[in-house]
Amino acid sequence: MDVVWNEWGPPTRVRIEQSAVWVFARAVKDDRPEYGTDEGPVPCPPTYTFVMAHGGAFPSLQPPGTRRQTVAETTADLASRPGLYLHGEQEFVYHRTPVVGDVLEGRQRTSKPFRKENARRPMEITMYQTEWRDLEGNPVVTEQILSLFLPEGQPA
């Protein structure tokens, strides 16, 4: 599949806070004790980077002159049509484990929507890719999400 990507969006900086990590771990039923300790580096549970910008992107952390887009702004054009949107595949590539106290900078880009060939019904696919790096520019996590759009709505 040939994906045509749009430009990278503005950077978002996030400080990983332990209380948010602990709450997330409990929400996904991960009861490992290291999330609730003050000893050693506290790792983030798998998939935590997908949600961390919702609670850790404090305005004072953001690079000067940048404005963080909301999810609604990012997806406004894609979500303005009637139909059914579905979350498809999600992939995380870890270059290292993010830990409590890290300040990471993420940038996201989307693909141009493309039609799925040979589908039983019309379907468009949009890819979302986010790269999280430390402030020295070293990669930490790369996320990729596949979103499906069914213009005919929910199957009968």
Protein backbone atom coordinates (compact mmCIF):
# COMPACT_ATOMS: atom_id res chain seq x y z
CA MET A 1 0.00 0.00 0.00
CA ASP A 2 1.42 3.37 -1.05
CA VAL A 3 0.74 5.98 1.62
CA VAL A 4 0.95 9.69 0.78
CA TRP A 5 1.65 11.64 3.96
CA ASN A 6 0.69 15.21 4.85
CA GLU A 7 3.22 17.45 6.61
CA TRP A 8 4.12 16.91 10.26
CA GLY A 9 2.03 18.98 12.67
CA PRO A 10 3.36 21.30 15.36
CA PRO A 11 5.26 19.81 18.29
CA THR A 12 3.55 18.93 21.56
CA ARG A 13 5.63 18.52 24.70
CA VAL A 14 4.49 16.25 27.49
CA ARG A 15 5.83 15.61 30.98
CA ILE A 16 5.05 12.08 32.13
CA GLU A 17 3.50 12.31 35.59
CA GLN A 18 3.37 9.31 37.92
CA SER A 19 -0.23 9.77 39.03
CA ALA A 20 -1.42 9.67 35.41
CA VAL A 21 0.68 6.54 34.74
CA TRP A 22 -0.72 4.84 37.85
CA VAL A 23 -4.33 5.70 36.94
CA PHE A 24 -3.82 4.49 33.35
CA ALA A 25 -2.26 1.22 34.52
CA ARG A 26 -5.22 0.56 36.81
CA ALA A 27 -7.67 1.43 34.01
CA VAL A 28 -6.11 -1.17 31.70
CA LYS A 29 -5.98 -3.74 34.54
CA ASP A 30 -2.15 -3.69 34.79
CA ASP A 31 -1.51 -4.13 38.52
CA ARG A 32 2.28 -4.38 38.50
CA PRO A 33 3.60 -2.72 41.69
CA GLU A 34 6.28 -0.60 39.96
CA TYR A 35 3.64 1.93 38.82
CA GLY A 36 2.87 2.84 42.44
CA THR A 37 6.40 3.15 43.83
CA ASP A 38 8.89 5.96 44.23
CA GLU A 39 11.86 3.64 43.81
CA GLY A 40 13.90 3.66 40.62
CA PRO A 41 12.64 4.80 37.24
CA VAL A 42 8.90 4.12 36.97
CA PRO A 43 8.10 2.81 33.47
CA CYS A 44 4.98 3.63 31.49
CA PRO A 45 2.55 0.82 30.72
CA PRO A 46 2.37 -0.29 27.09
CA THR A 47 0.21 2.05 24.96
CA TYR A 48 0.39 4.88 27.54
CA THR A 49 1.92 7.26 24.99
CA PHE A 50 -1.36 7.14 23.05
CA VAL A 51 -3.13 9.05 25.85
CA MET A 52 -0.37 10.99 27.61
CA ALA A 53 -0.90 14.27 25.73
CA HIS A 54 -4.39 14.54 27.24
CA GLY A 55 -3.01 15.04 30.75
CA GLY A 56 0.62 16.07 30.48
CA ALA A 57 0.86 18.69 27.72
CA PHE A 58 1.04 21.65 30.10
CA PRO A 59 1.07 25.08 28.39
CA SER A 60 4.35 26.06 30.10
CA LEU A 61 6.13 23.08 28.47
CA GLN A 62 5.26 24.00 24.89
CA PRO A 63 7.94 25.45 22.60
CA PRO A 64 7.63 29.22 22.18
CA GLY A 65 5.31 30.26 19.36
CA THR A 66 3.54 26.92 19.04
CA ARG A 67 -0.14 26.24 19.53
CA ARG A 68 -1.29 22.72 20.25
CA GLN A 69 -4.14 21.52 18.06
CA THR A 70 -7.06 19.74 19.64
CA VAL A 71 -8.17 16.33 18.37
CA ALA A 72 -11.31 18.02 17.01
CA GLU A 73 -9.21 20.48 14.99
CA THR A 74 -6.90 17.75 13.70
CA THR A 75 -9.75 15.57 12.47
CA ALA A 76 -12.33 18.25 11.53
CA ASP A 77 -12.00 17.82 7.76
CA LEU A 78 -12.00 14.05 7.96
CA ALA A 79 -14.95 13.84 10.38
CA SER A 80 -17.18 16.41 8.67
CA ARG A 81 -18.85 13.86 6.38
CA PRO A 82 -21.72 11.56 7.38
CA GLY A 83 -20.75 7.92 7.73
CA LEU A 84 -19.13 5.60 10.25
CA TYR A 85 -15.58 6.03 11.54
CA LEU A 86 -13.83 3.06 13.10
CA HIS A 87 -10.52 2.67 14.92
CA GLY A 88 -8.58 -0.02 13.08
CA GLU A 89 -5.08 -1.27 13.75
CA GLN A 90 -2.73 0.38 16.20
CA GLU A 91 1.02 -0.22 16.35
CA PHE A 92 3.69 0.96 18.79
CA VAL A 93 7.41 0.75 18.09
CA TYR A 94 9.46 1.31 21.25
CA HIS A 95 12.97 2.66 20.82
CA ARG A 96 13.24 2.79 24.62
CA THR A 97 10.78 2.61 27.52
CA PRO A 98 9.30 5.99 28.46
CA VAL A 99 9.51 6.63 32.22
CA VAL A 100 7.95 8.96 34.76
CA GLY A 101 9.68 12.34 34.65
CA ASP A 102 10.49 12.20 30.94
CA VAL A 103 9.64 15.26 28.91
CA LEU A 104 8.89 14.10 25.38
CA GLU A 105 8.09 16.00 22.22
CA GLY A 106 5.64 14.53 19.77
CA ARG A 107 4.68 15.41 16.23
CA GLN A 108 1.81 13.88 14.32
CA ARG A 109 1.00 13.58 10.66
CA THR A 110 -1.87 12.03 8.76
CA SER A 111 -1.98 10.33 5.42
CA LYS A 112 -4.14 11.39 2.56
CA PRO A 113 -7.25 9.18 2.78
CA PHE A 114 -7.19 6.31 0.29
CA ARG A 115 -9.83 3.84 -0.85
CA LYS A 116 -9.55 0.18 0.04
CA GLU A 117 -9.58 -1.89 -3.11
CA ASN A 118 -11.67 -5.08 -3.28
CA ALA A 119 -13.68 -4.22 -0.17
CA ARG A 120 -17.24 -5.55 0.06
CA ARG A 121 -18.44 -2.00 0.54
CA PRO A 122 -16.88 1.45 0.02
CA MET A 123 -14.15 2.16 2.56
CA GLU A 124 -11.49 4.82 3.05
CA ILE A 125 -8.39 4.45 5.19
CA THR A 126 -6.47 7.23 6.92
CA MET A 127 -3.21 6.61 8.77
CA TYR A 128 -2.11 8.64 11.80
CA GLN A 129 1.54 8.58 12.78
CA THR A 130 3.05 10.14 15.91
CA GLU A 131 6.74 10.25 16.72
CA TRP A 132 7.72 10.84 20.35
CA ARG A 133 11.31 11.93 21.01
CA ASP A 134 13.23 13.12 24.05
CA LEU A 135 14.36 16.76 24.09
CA GLU A 136 17.77 15.71 22.69
CA GLY A 137 15.95 14.40 19.60
CA ASN A 138 16.37 10.69 20.36
CA PRO A 139 13.38 8.55 19.31
CA VAL A 140 11.37 7.02 22.16
CA VAL A 141 8.10 5.70 20.66
CA THR A 142 6.56 5.72 17.19
CA GLU A 143 2.80 5.15 17.04
CA GLN A 144 0.75 4.36 13.97
CA ILE A 145 -3.03 4.16 13.86
CA LEU A 146 -5.24 3.06 11.01
CA SER A 147 -8.69 4.68 10.86
CA LEU A 148 -11.52 3.35 8.68
CA PHE A 149 -14.32 5.43 7.19
CA LEU A 150 -17.47 3.76 5.84
CA PRO A 151 -19.43 6.39 3.87
CA GLU A 152 -22.54 4.17 3.85
CA GLY A 153 -22.57 4.04 7.64
CA GLN A 154 -23.01 1.01 9.86
CA PRO A 155 -23.44 -2.35 8.14
CA ALA A 156 -26.95 -3.75 8.29
